[in-house]
Amino acid sequence: QKSLTLAALANATPLEQKQMLGERLFPLIQQIQLELVGKITGMLIEIDNTELLYMLESSELLKAKVEEAIAILQTYQAKQAVTNSVAQKKSNIII
């Protein structure tokens, strides 16, 4: 793929910019985390474009951000499991 630059992004609409960045991030994230690649790409694409460009250039930075996103997802899933468990117990209480 052709290198993505700030100049190339500057000539695109905000939506096109995110699309361009996402198309380049997806295969890189896929190499790190296949199972959650779509979810993680969606999370990371919310980051500032300049930082996304740095992530495209630095595999270490990208890996750190992917690991951070995975931790956030795991925390969210754990909270959801607790919430669902509490809701389930409440629905089993007979008054």
PDB file of N, CA and C in Angstrom:
ATOM      1  N   GLN A   1       0.834  -1.197   0.000  1.00  0.00           N
ATOM      2  CA  GLN A   1       0.000   0.000   0.000  1.00  0.00           C
ATOM      3  C   GLN A   1       0.868   1.246   0.000  1.00  0.00           C
ATOM      4  N   LYS A   2       0.331   2.269  -0.636  1.00  0.00           N
ATOM      5  CA  LYS A   2       1.030   3.548  -0.665  1.00  0.00           C
ATOM      6  C   LYS A   2       1.033   4.161   0.732  1.00  0.00           C
ATOM      7  N   SER A   3       2.123   4.832   1.062  1.00  0.00           N
ATOM      8  CA  SER A   3       2.250   5.471   2.368  1.00  0.00           C
ATOM      9  C   SER A   3       1.180   6.547   2.536  1.00  0.00           C
ATOM     10  N   LEU A   4       0.631   6.620   3.718  1.00  0.00           N
ATOM     11  CA  LEU A   4      -0.401   7.608   4.024  1.00  0.00           C
ATOM     12  C   LEU A   4       0.266   8.780   4.733  1.00  0.00           C
ATOM     13  N   THR A   5       0.032   9.980   4.245  1.00  0.00           N
ATOM     14  CA  THR A   5       0.666  11.168   4.820  1.00  0.00           C
ATOM     15  C   THR A   5      -0.387  12.150   5.298  1.00  0.00           C
ATOM     16  N   LEU A   6       0.053  13.123   6.094  1.00  0.00           N
ATOM     17  CA  LEU A   6      -0.856  14.186   6.526  1.00  0.00           C
ATOM     18  C   LEU A   6      -1.385  14.955   5.325  1.00  0.00           C
ATOM     19  N   ALA A   7      -0.550  15.142   4.308  1.00  0.00           N
ATOM     20  CA  ALA A   7      -0.979  15.863   3.107  1.00  0.00           C
ATOM     21  C   ALA A   7      -2.100  15.106   2.399  1.00  0.00           C
ATOM     22  N   ALA A   8      -1.964  13.792   2.295  1.00  0.00           N
ATOM     23  CA  ALA A   8      -3.011  12.983   1.662  1.00  0.00           C
ATOM     24  C   ALA A   8      -4.303  13.067   2.465  1.00  0.00           C
ATOM     25  N   LEU A   9      -4.179  13.028   3.778  1.00  0.00           N
ATOM     26  CA  LEU A   9      -5.363  13.128   4.635  1.00  0.00           C
ATOM     27  C   LEU A   9      -6.002  14.512   4.542  1.00  0.00           C
ATOM     28  N   ALA A  10      -5.179  15.535   4.400  1.00  0.00           N
ATOM     29  CA  ALA A  10      -5.686  16.911   4.350  1.00  0.00           C
ATOM     30  C   ALA A  10      -6.601  17.128   3.152  1.00  0.00           C
ATOM     31  N   ASN A  11      -6.399  16.371   2.088  1.00  0.00           N
ATOM     32  CA  ASN A  11      -7.213  16.515   0.886  1.00  0.00           C
ATOM     33  C   ASN A  11      -8.486  15.678   0.925  1.00  0.00           C
ATOM     34  N   ALA A  12      -8.734  15.003   2.025  1.00  0.00           N
ATOM     35  CA  ALA A  12      -9.908  14.144   2.159  1.00  0.00           C
ATOM     36  C   ALA A  12     -10.870  14.715   3.200  1.00  0.00           C
ATOM     37  N   THR A  13     -12.132  14.313   3.100  1.00  0.00           N
ATOM     38  CA  THR A  13     -13.122  14.709   4.108  1.00  0.00           C
ATOM     39  C   THR A  13     -12.810  13.946   5.403  1.00  0.00           C
ATOM     40  N   PRO A  14     -13.332  14.415   6.542  1.00  0.00           N
ATOM     41  CA  PRO A  14     -13.091  13.692   7.801  1.00  0.00           C
ATOM     42  C   PRO A  14     -13.502  12.214   7.728  1.00  0.00           C
ATOM     43  N   LEU A  15     -14.622  11.934   7.088  1.00  0.00           N
ATOM     44  CA  LEU A  15     -15.075  10.548   6.955  1.00  0.00           C
ATOM     45  C   LEU A  15     -14.105   9.735   6.091  1.00  0.00           C
ATOM     46  N   GLU A  16     -13.649  10.329   4.998  1.00  0.00           N
ATOM     47  CA  GLU A  16     -12.679   9.659   4.125  1.00  0.00           C
ATOM     48  C   GLU A  16     -11.356   9.436   4.848  1.00  0.00           C
ATOM     49  N   GLN A  17     -10.968  10.398   5.682  1.00  0.00           N
ATOM     50  CA  GLN A  17      -9.727  10.266   6.447  1.00  0.00           C
ATOM     51  C   GLN A  17      -9.781   9.031   7.341  1.00  0.00           C
ATOM     52  N   LYS A  18     -10.869   8.898   8.076  1.00  0.00           N
ATOM     53  CA  LYS A  18     -11.017   7.755   8.979  1.00  0.00           C
ATOM     54  C   LYS A  18     -11.065   6.454   8.182  1.00  0.00           C
ATOM     55  N   GLN A  19     -11.725   6.485   7.025  1.00  0.00           N
ATOM     56  CA  GLN A  19     -11.792   5.302   6.164  1.00  0.00           C
ATOM     57  C   GLN A  19     -10.388   4.896   5.706  1.00  0.00           C
ATOM     58  N   MET A  20      -9.608   5.876   5.264  1.00  0.00           N
ATOM     59  CA  MET A  20      -8.244   5.616   4.790  1.00  0.00           C
ATOM     60  C   MET A  20      -7.377   5.033   5.913  1.00  0.00           C
ATOM     61  N   LEU A  21      -7.488   5.626   7.083  1.00  0.00           N
ATOM     62  CA  LEU A  21      -6.708   5.148   8.226  1.00  0.00           C
ATOM     63  C   LEU A  21      -7.161   3.752   8.653  1.00  0.00           C
ATOM     64  N   GLY A  22      -8.470   3.559   8.691  1.00  0.00           N
ATOM     65  CA  GLY A  22      -9.014   2.259   9.079  1.00  0.00           C
ATOM     66  C   GLY A  22      -8.584   1.144   8.144  1.00  0.00           C
ATOM     67  N   GLU A  23      -8.555   1.443   6.843  1.00  0.00           N
ATOM     68  CA  GLU A  23      -8.143   0.441   5.857  1.00  0.00           C
ATOM     69  C   GLU A  23      -6.689   0.028   6.041  1.00  0.00           C
ATOM     70  N   ARG A  24      -5.878   0.922   6.549  1.00  0.00           N
ATOM     71  CA  ARG A  24      -4.469   0.591   6.781  1.00  0.00           C
ATOM     72  C   ARG A  24      -4.251  -0.048   8.156  1.00  0.00           C
ATOM     73  N   LEU A  25      -5.065   0.364   9.122  1.00  0.00           N
ATOM     74  CA  LEU A  25      -4.932  -0.202  10.462  1.00  0.00           C
ATOM     75  C   LEU A  25      -5.429  -1.644  10.536  1.00  0.00           C
ATOM     76  N   PHE A  26      -6.542  -1.926   9.873  1.00  0.00           N
ATOM     77  CA  PHE A  26      -7.196  -3.231   9.998  1.00  0.00           C
ATOM     78  C   PHE A  26      -6.233  -4.409   9.798  1.00  0.00           C
ATOM     79  N   PRO A  27      -5.490  -4.471   8.677  1.00  0.00           N
ATOM     80  CA  PRO A  27      -4.598  -5.629   8.504  1.00  0.00           C
ATOM     81  C   PRO A  27      -3.469  -5.689   9.534  1.00  0.00           C
ATOM     82  N   LEU A  28      -3.041  -4.540  10.020  1.00  0.00           N
ATOM     83  CA  LEU A  28      -1.987  -4.522  11.041  1.00  0.00           C
ATOM     84  C   LEU A  28      -2.522  -5.032  12.374  1.00  0.00           C
ATOM     85  N   ILE A  29      -3.724  -4.602  12.723  1.00  0.00           N
ATOM     86  CA  ILE A  29      -4.355  -5.064  13.968  1.00  0.00           C
ATOM     87  C   ILE A  29      -4.679  -6.550  13.857  1.00  0.00           C
ATOM     88  N   GLN A  30      -5.073  -6.972  12.667  1.00  0.00           N
ATOM     89  CA  GLN A  30      -5.415  -8.376  12.426  1.00  0.00           C
ATOM     90  C   GLN A  30      -4.230  -9.295  12.740  1.00  0.00           C
ATOM     91  N   GLN A  31      -3.027  -8.820  12.498  1.00  0.00           N
ATOM     92  CA  GLN A  31      -1.825  -9.608  12.794  1.00  0.00           C
ATOM     93  C   GLN A  31      -1.595  -9.745  14.296  1.00  0.00           C
ATOM     94  N   ILE A  32      -2.123  -8.789  15.063  1.00  0.00           N
ATOM     95  CA  ILE A  32      -1.932  -8.786  16.519  1.00  0.00           C
ATOM     96  C   ILE A  32      -3.081  -9.503  17.217  1.00  0.00           C
ATOM     97  N   GLN A  33      -4.314  -9.210  16.785  1.00  0.00           N
ATOM     98  CA  GLN A  33      -5.501  -9.731  17.467  1.00  0.00           C
ATOM     99  C   GLN A  33      -6.573 -10.034  16.422  1.00  0.00           C
ATOM    100  N   LEU A  34      -6.599 -11.260  15.960  1.00  0.00           N
ATOM    101  CA  LEU A  34      -7.510 -11.656  14.890  1.00  0.00           C
ATOM    102  C   LEU A  34      -8.969 -11.632  15.331  1.00  0.00           C
ATOM    103  N   GLU A  35      -9.236 -12.148  16.516  1.00  0.00           N
ATOM    104  CA  GLU A  35     -10.613 -12.335  16.975  1.00  0.00           C
ATOM    105  C   GLU A  35     -11.392 -11.021  17.121  1.00  0.00           C
ATOM    106  N   LEU A  36     -10.740  -9.979  17.608  1.00  0.00           N
ATOM    107  CA  LEU A  36     -11.429  -8.716  17.900  1.00  0.00           C
ATOM    108  C   LEU A  36     -11.022  -7.593  16.956  1.00  0.00           C
ATOM    109  N   VAL A  37     -10.489  -7.936  15.795  1.00  0.00           N
ATOM    110  CA  VAL A  37      -9.911  -6.935  14.899  1.00  0.00           C
ATOM    111  C   VAL A  37     -10.898  -5.826  14.531  1.00  0.00           C
ATOM    112  N   GLY A  38     -12.134  -6.161  14.232  1.00  0.00           N
ATOM    113  CA  GLY A  38     -13.118  -5.141  13.852  1.00  0.00           C
ATOM    114  C   GLY A  38     -13.440  -4.196  14.992  1.00  0.00           C
ATOM    115  N   LYS A  39     -13.663  -4.760  16.160  1.00  0.00           N
ATOM    116  CA  LYS A  39     -13.990  -3.969  17.348  1.00  0.00           C
ATOM    117  C   LYS A  39     -12.830  -3.040  17.721  1.00  0.00           C
ATOM    118  N   ILE A  40     -11.626  -3.588  17.717  1.00  0.00           N
ATOM    119  CA  ILE A  40     -10.452  -2.800  18.098  1.00  0.00           C
ATOM    120  C   ILE A  40     -10.172  -1.712  17.070  1.00  0.00           C
ATOM    121  N   THR A  41     -10.300  -2.040  15.788  1.00  0.00           N
ATOM    122  CA  THR A  41     -10.108  -1.018  14.751  1.00  0.00           C
ATOM    123  C   THR A  41     -11.099   0.116  14.963  1.00  0.00           C
ATOM    124  N   GLY A  42     -12.342  -0.225  15.249  1.00  0.00           N
ATOM    125  CA  GLY A  42     -13.366   0.790  15.514  1.00  0.00           C
ATOM    126  C   GLY A  42     -13.034   1.662  16.714  1.00  0.00           C
ATOM    127  N   MET A  43     -12.474   1.053  17.740  1.00  0.00           N
ATOM    128  CA  MET A  43     -12.088   1.817  18.932  1.00  0.00           C
ATOM    129  C   MET A  43     -10.920   2.749  18.620  1.00  0.00           C
ATOM    130  N   LEU A  44      -9.907   2.215  17.947  1.00  0.00           N
ATOM    131  CA  LEU A  44      -8.701   3.001  17.692  1.00  0.00           C
ATOM    132  C   LEU A  44      -8.939   4.115  16.681  1.00  0.00           C
ATOM    133  N   ILE A  45      -9.876   3.927  15.777  1.00  0.00           N
ATOM    134  CA  ILE A  45     -10.112   4.929  14.737  1.00  0.00           C
ATOM    135  C   ILE A  45     -10.653   6.233  15.343  1.00  0.00           C
ATOM    136  N   GLU A  46     -11.093   6.181  16.587  1.00  0.00           N
ATOM    137  CA  GLU A  46     -11.580   7.381  17.279  1.00  0.00           C
ATOM    138  C   GLU A  46     -10.427   8.275  17.747  1.00  0.00           C
ATOM    139  N   ILE A  47      -9.221   7.732  17.737  1.00  0.00           N
ATOM    140  CA  ILE A  47      -8.034   8.485  18.154  1.00  0.00           C
ATOM    141  C   ILE A  47      -7.713   9.553  17.110  1.00  0.00           C
ATOM    142  N   ASP A  48      -7.034  10.603  17.537  1.00  0.00           N
ATOM    143  CA  ASP A  48      -6.600  11.685  16.652  1.00  0.00           C
ATOM    144  C   ASP A  48      -5.810  11.132  15.461  1.00  0.00           C
ATOM    145  N   ASN A  49      -6.054  11.686  14.276  1.00  0.00           N
ATOM    146  CA  ASN A  49      -5.418  11.200  13.049  1.00  0.00           C
ATOM    147  C   ASN A  49      -3.894  11.225  13.100  1.00  0.00           C
ATOM    148  N   THR A  50      -3.327  12.246  13.715  1.00  0.00           N
ATOM    149  CA  THR A  50      -1.867  12.330  13.804  1.00  0.00           C
ATOM    150  C   THR A  50      -1.311  11.148  14.588  1.00  0.00           C
ATOM    151  N   GLU A  51      -1.964  10.825  15.696  1.00  0.00           N
ATOM    152  CA  GLU A  51      -1.515   9.679  16.490  1.00  0.00           C
ATOM    153  C   GLU A  51      -1.712   8.372  15.722  1.00  0.00           C
ATOM    154  N   LEU A  52      -2.800   8.289  14.955  1.00  0.00           N
ATOM    155  CA  LEU A  52      -3.020   7.091  14.137  1.00  0.00           C
ATOM    156  C   LEU A  52      -1.899   6.911  13.111  1.00  0.00           C
ATOM    157  N   LEU A  53      -1.446   8.016  12.538  1.00  0.00           N
ATOM    158  CA  LEU A  53      -0.330   7.939  11.586  1.00  0.00           C
ATOM    159  C   LEU A  53       0.936   7.426  12.271  1.00  0.00           C
ATOM    160  N   TYR A  54       1.182   7.889  13.496  1.00  0.00           N
ATOM    161  CA  TYR A  54       2.331   7.387  14.260  1.00  0.00           C
ATOM    162  C   TYR A  54       2.191   5.881  14.503  1.00  0.00           C
ATOM    163  N   MET A  55       0.974   5.457  14.803  1.00  0.00           N
ATOM    164  CA  MET A  55       0.728   4.039  15.055  1.00  0.00           C
ATOM    165  C   MET A  55       0.979   3.199  13.803  1.00  0.00           C
ATOM    166  N   LEU A  56       0.675   3.760  12.640  1.00  0.00           N
ATOM    167  CA  LEU A  56       0.939   3.048  11.389  1.00  0.00           C
ATOM    168  C   LEU A  56       2.437   2.878  11.152  1.00  0.00           C
ATOM    169  N   GLU A  57       3.212   3.815  11.663  1.00  0.00           N
ATOM    170  CA  GLU A  57       4.666   3.780  11.478  1.00  0.00           C
ATOM    171  C   GLU A  57       5.386   2.985  12.564  1.00  0.00           C
ATOM    172  N   SER A  58       4.767   2.855  13.729  1.00  0.00           N
ATOM    173  CA  SER A  58       5.416   2.194  14.865  1.00  0.00           C
ATOM    174  C   SER A  58       4.618   0.968  15.306  1.00  0.00           C
ATOM    175  N   SER A  59       5.136  -0.206  15.009  1.00  0.00           N
ATOM    176  CA  SER A  59       4.434  -1.432  15.400  1.00  0.00           C
ATOM    177  C   SER A  59       4.361  -1.559  16.922  1.00  0.00           C
ATOM    178  N   GLU A  60       5.361  -1.030  17.629  1.00  0.00           N
ATOM    179  CA  GLU A  60       5.349  -1.088  19.095  1.00  0.00           C
ATOM    180  C   GLU A  60       4.217  -0.242  19.666  1.00  0.00           C
ATOM    181  N   LEU A  61       4.047   0.965  19.127  1.00  0.00           N
ATOM    182  CA  LEU A  61       2.968   1.837  19.585  1.00  0.00           C
ATOM    183  C   LEU A  61       1.612   1.218  19.264  1.00  0.00           C
ATOM    184  N   LEU A  62       1.475   0.674  18.074  1.00  0.00           N
ATOM    185  CA  LEU A  62       0.217   0.035  17.684  1.00  0.00           C
ATOM    186  C   LEU A  62      -0.091  -1.140  18.602  1.00  0.00           C
ATOM    187  N   LYS A  63       0.909  -1.964  18.868  1.00  0.00           N
ATOM    188  CA  LYS A  63       0.697  -3.118  19.743  1.00  0.00           C
ATOM    189  C   LYS A  63       0.266  -2.671  21.137  1.00  0.00           C
ATOM    190  N   ALA A  64       0.876  -1.621  21.653  1.00  0.00           N
ATOM    191  CA  ALA A  64       0.507  -1.104  22.975  1.00  0.00           C
ATOM    192  C   ALA A  64      -0.942  -0.623  22.983  1.00  0.00           C
ATOM    193  N   LYS A  65      -1.353   0.069  21.928  1.00  0.00           N
ATOM    194  CA  LYS A  65      -2.731   0.569  21.850  1.00  0.00           C
ATOM    195  C   LYS A  65      -3.725  -0.578  21.704  1.00  0.00           C
ATOM    196  N   VAL A  66      -3.361  -1.611  20.949  1.00  0.00           N
ATOM    197  CA  VAL A  66      -4.231  -2.781  20.801  1.00  0.00           C
ATOM    198  C   VAL A  66      -4.388  -3.475  22.151  1.00  0.00           C
ATOM    199  N   GLU A  67      -3.292  -3.630  22.879  1.00  0.00           N
ATOM    200  CA  GLU A  67      -3.355  -4.254  24.203  1.00  0.00           C
ATOM    201  C   GLU A  67      -4.206  -3.427  25.160  1.00  0.00           C
ATOM    202  N   GLU A  68      -4.101  -2.114  25.058  1.00  0.00           N
ATOM    203  CA  GLU A  68      -4.922  -1.219  25.880  1.00  0.00           C
ATOM    204  C   GLU A  68      -6.404  -1.401  25.537  1.00  0.00           C
ATOM    205  N   ALA A  69      -6.708  -1.486  24.256  1.00  0.00           N
ATOM    206  CA  ALA A  69      -8.097  -1.677  23.826  1.00  0.00           C
ATOM    207  C   ALA A  69      -8.636  -3.021  24.305  1.00  0.00           C
ATOM    208  N   ILE A  70      -7.812  -4.058  24.248  1.00  0.00           N
ATOM    209  CA  ILE A  70      -8.225  -5.380  24.730  1.00  0.00           C
ATOM    210  C   ILE A  70      -8.530  -5.322  26.222  1.00  0.00           C
ATOM    211  N   ALA A  71      -7.693  -4.638  26.983  1.00  0.00           N
ATOM    212  CA  ALA A  71      -7.916  -4.506  28.430  1.00  0.00           C
ATOM    213  C   ALA A  71      -9.231  -3.785  28.710  1.00  0.00           C
ATOM    214  N   ILE A  72      -9.513  -2.743  27.939  1.00  0.00           N
ATOM    215  CA  ILE A  72     -10.772  -2.001  28.102  1.00  0.00           C
ATOM    216  C   ILE A  72     -11.956  -2.910  27.799  1.00  0.00           C
ATOM    217  N   LEU A  73     -11.868  -3.675  26.723  1.00  0.00           N
ATOM    218  CA  LEU A  73     -12.946  -4.599  26.361  1.00  0.00           C
ATOM    219  C   LEU A  73     -13.150  -5.664  27.431  1.00  0.00           C
ATOM    220  N   GLN A  74     -12.060  -6.198  27.967  1.00  0.00           N
ATOM    221  CA  GLN A  74     -12.169  -7.221  29.008  1.00  0.00           C
ATOM    222  C   GLN A  74     -12.803  -6.658  30.272  1.00  0.00           C
ATOM    223  N   THR A  75     -12.436  -5.435  30.637  1.00  0.00           N
ATOM    224  CA  THR A  75     -13.031  -4.779  31.803  1.00  0.00           C
ATOM    225  C   THR A  75     -14.524  -4.578  31.585  1.00  0.00           C
ATOM    226  N   TYR A  76     -14.889  -4.108  30.397  1.00  0.00           N
ATOM    227  CA  TYR A  76     -16.301  -3.890  30.067  1.00  0.00           C
ATOM    228  C   TYR A  76     -17.072  -5.211  30.125  1.00  0.00           C
ATOM    229  N   GLN A  77     -16.501  -6.262  29.546  1.00  0.00           N
ATOM    230  CA  GLN A  77     -17.176  -7.557  29.541  1.00  0.00           C
ATOM    231  C   GLN A  77     -17.340  -8.102  30.954  1.00  0.00           C
ATOM    232  N   ALA A  78     -16.350  -7.887  31.802  1.00  0.00           N
ATOM    233  CA  ALA A  78     -16.438  -8.342  33.189  1.00  0.00           C
ATOM    234  C   ALA A  78     -17.545  -7.596  33.925  1.00  0.00           C
ATOM    235  N   LYS A  79     -17.632  -6.277  33.699  1.00  0.00           N
ATOM    236  CA  LYS A  79     -18.688  -5.482  34.333  1.00  0.00           C
ATOM    237  C   LYS A  79     -20.058  -5.931  33.844  1.00  0.00           C
ATOM    238  N   GLN A  80     -20.167  -6.226  32.553  1.00  0.00           N
ATOM    239  CA  GLN A  80     -21.436  -6.695  31.993  1.00  0.00           C
ATOM    240  C   GLN A  80     -21.833  -8.030  32.614  1.00  0.00           C
ATOM    241  N   ALA A  81     -20.860  -8.905  32.817  1.00  0.00           N
ATOM    242  CA  ALA A  81     -21.140 -10.210  33.408  1.00  0.00           C
ATOM    243  C   ALA A  81     -21.666 -10.048  34.832  1.00  0.00           C
ATOM    244  N   VAL A  82     -21.062  -9.141  35.601  1.00  0.00           N
ATOM    245  CA  VAL A  82     -21.517  -8.881  36.970  1.00  0.00           C
ATOM    246  C   VAL A  82     -22.917  -8.283  36.947  1.00  0.00           C
ATOM    247  N   THR A  83     -23.139  -7.305  36.086  1.00  0.00           N
ATOM    248  CA  THR A  83     -24.455  -6.671  35.969  1.00  0.00           C
ATOM    249  C   THR A  83     -25.514  -7.701  35.600  1.00  0.00           C
ATOM    250  N   ASN A  84     -25.206  -8.554  34.651  1.00  0.00           N
ATOM    251  CA  ASN A  84     -26.159  -9.583  34.226  1.00  0.00           C
ATOM    252  C   ASN A  84     -26.420 -10.583  35.338  1.00  0.00           C
ATOM    253  N   SER A  85     -25.388 -10.922  36.099  1.00  0.00           N
ATOM    254  CA  SER A  85     -25.526 -11.863  37.203  1.00  0.00           C
ATOM    255  C   SER A  85     -26.424 -11.279  38.293  1.00  0.00           C
ATOM    256  N   VAL A  86     -26.208 -10.012  38.623  1.00  0.00           N
ATOM    257  CA  VAL A  86     -27.033  -9.334  39.634  1.00  0.00           C
ATOM    258  C   VAL A  86     -28.477  -9.251  39.155  1.00  0.00           C
ATOM    259  N   ALA A  87     -28.672  -8.892  37.899  1.00  0.00           N
ATOM    260  CA  ALA A  87     -30.025  -8.796  37.344  1.00  0.00           C
ATOM    261  C   ALA A  87     -30.706 -10.163  37.364  1.00  0.00           C
ATOM    262  N   GLN A  88     -29.964 -11.201  37.066  1.00  0.00           N
ATOM    263  CA  GLN A  88     -30.509 -12.561  37.073  1.00  0.00           C
ATOM    264  C   GLN A  88     -30.936 -12.954  38.483  1.00  0.00           C
ATOM    265  N   LYS A  89     -30.103 -12.634  39.483  1.00  0.00           N
ATOM    266  CA  LYS A  89     -30.429 -12.970  40.867  1.00  0.00           C
ATOM    267  C   LYS A  89     -31.654 -12.205  41.336  1.00  0.00           C
ATOM    268  N   LYS A  90     -31.756 -10.929  40.949  1.00  0.00           N
ATOM    269  CA  LYS A  90     -32.914 -10.126  41.339  1.00  0.00           C
ATOM    270  C   LYS A  90     -34.189 -10.686  40.731  1.00  0.00           C
ATOM    271  N   SER A  91     -34.108 -11.173  39.509  1.00  0.00           N
ATOM    272  CA  SER A  91     -35.308 -11.695  38.854  1.00  0.00           C
ATOM    273  C   SER A  91     -35.733 -13.032  39.455  1.00  0.00           C
ATOM    274  N   ASN A  92     -34.831 -13.698  40.177  1.00  0.00           N
ATOM    275  CA  ASN A  92     -35.156 -14.975  40.811  1.00  0.00           C
ATOM    276  C   ASN A  92     -35.765 -14.802  42.202  1.00  0.00           C
ATOM    277  N   ILE A  93     -35.722 -13.581  42.734  1.00  0.00           N
ATOM    278  CA  ILE A  93     -36.270 -13.321  44.069  1.00  0.00           C
ATOM    279  C   ILE A  93     -37.793 -13.242  43.976  1.00  0.00           C
ATOM    280  N   ILE A  94     -38.455 -14.021  44.811  1.00  0.00           N
ATOM    281  CA  ILE A  94     -39.921 -14.018  44.822  1.00  0.00           C
ATOM    282  C   ILE A  94     -40.382 -13.211  46.026  1.00  0.00           C
ATOM    283  N   ILE A  95     -41.266 -12.258  45.759  1.00  0.00           N
ATOM    284  CA  ILE A  95     -41.740 -11.387  46.838  1.00  0.00           C
ATOM    285  C   ILE A  95     -43.093 -11.863  47.300  1.00  0.00           C
TER     286      ILE A  95
END
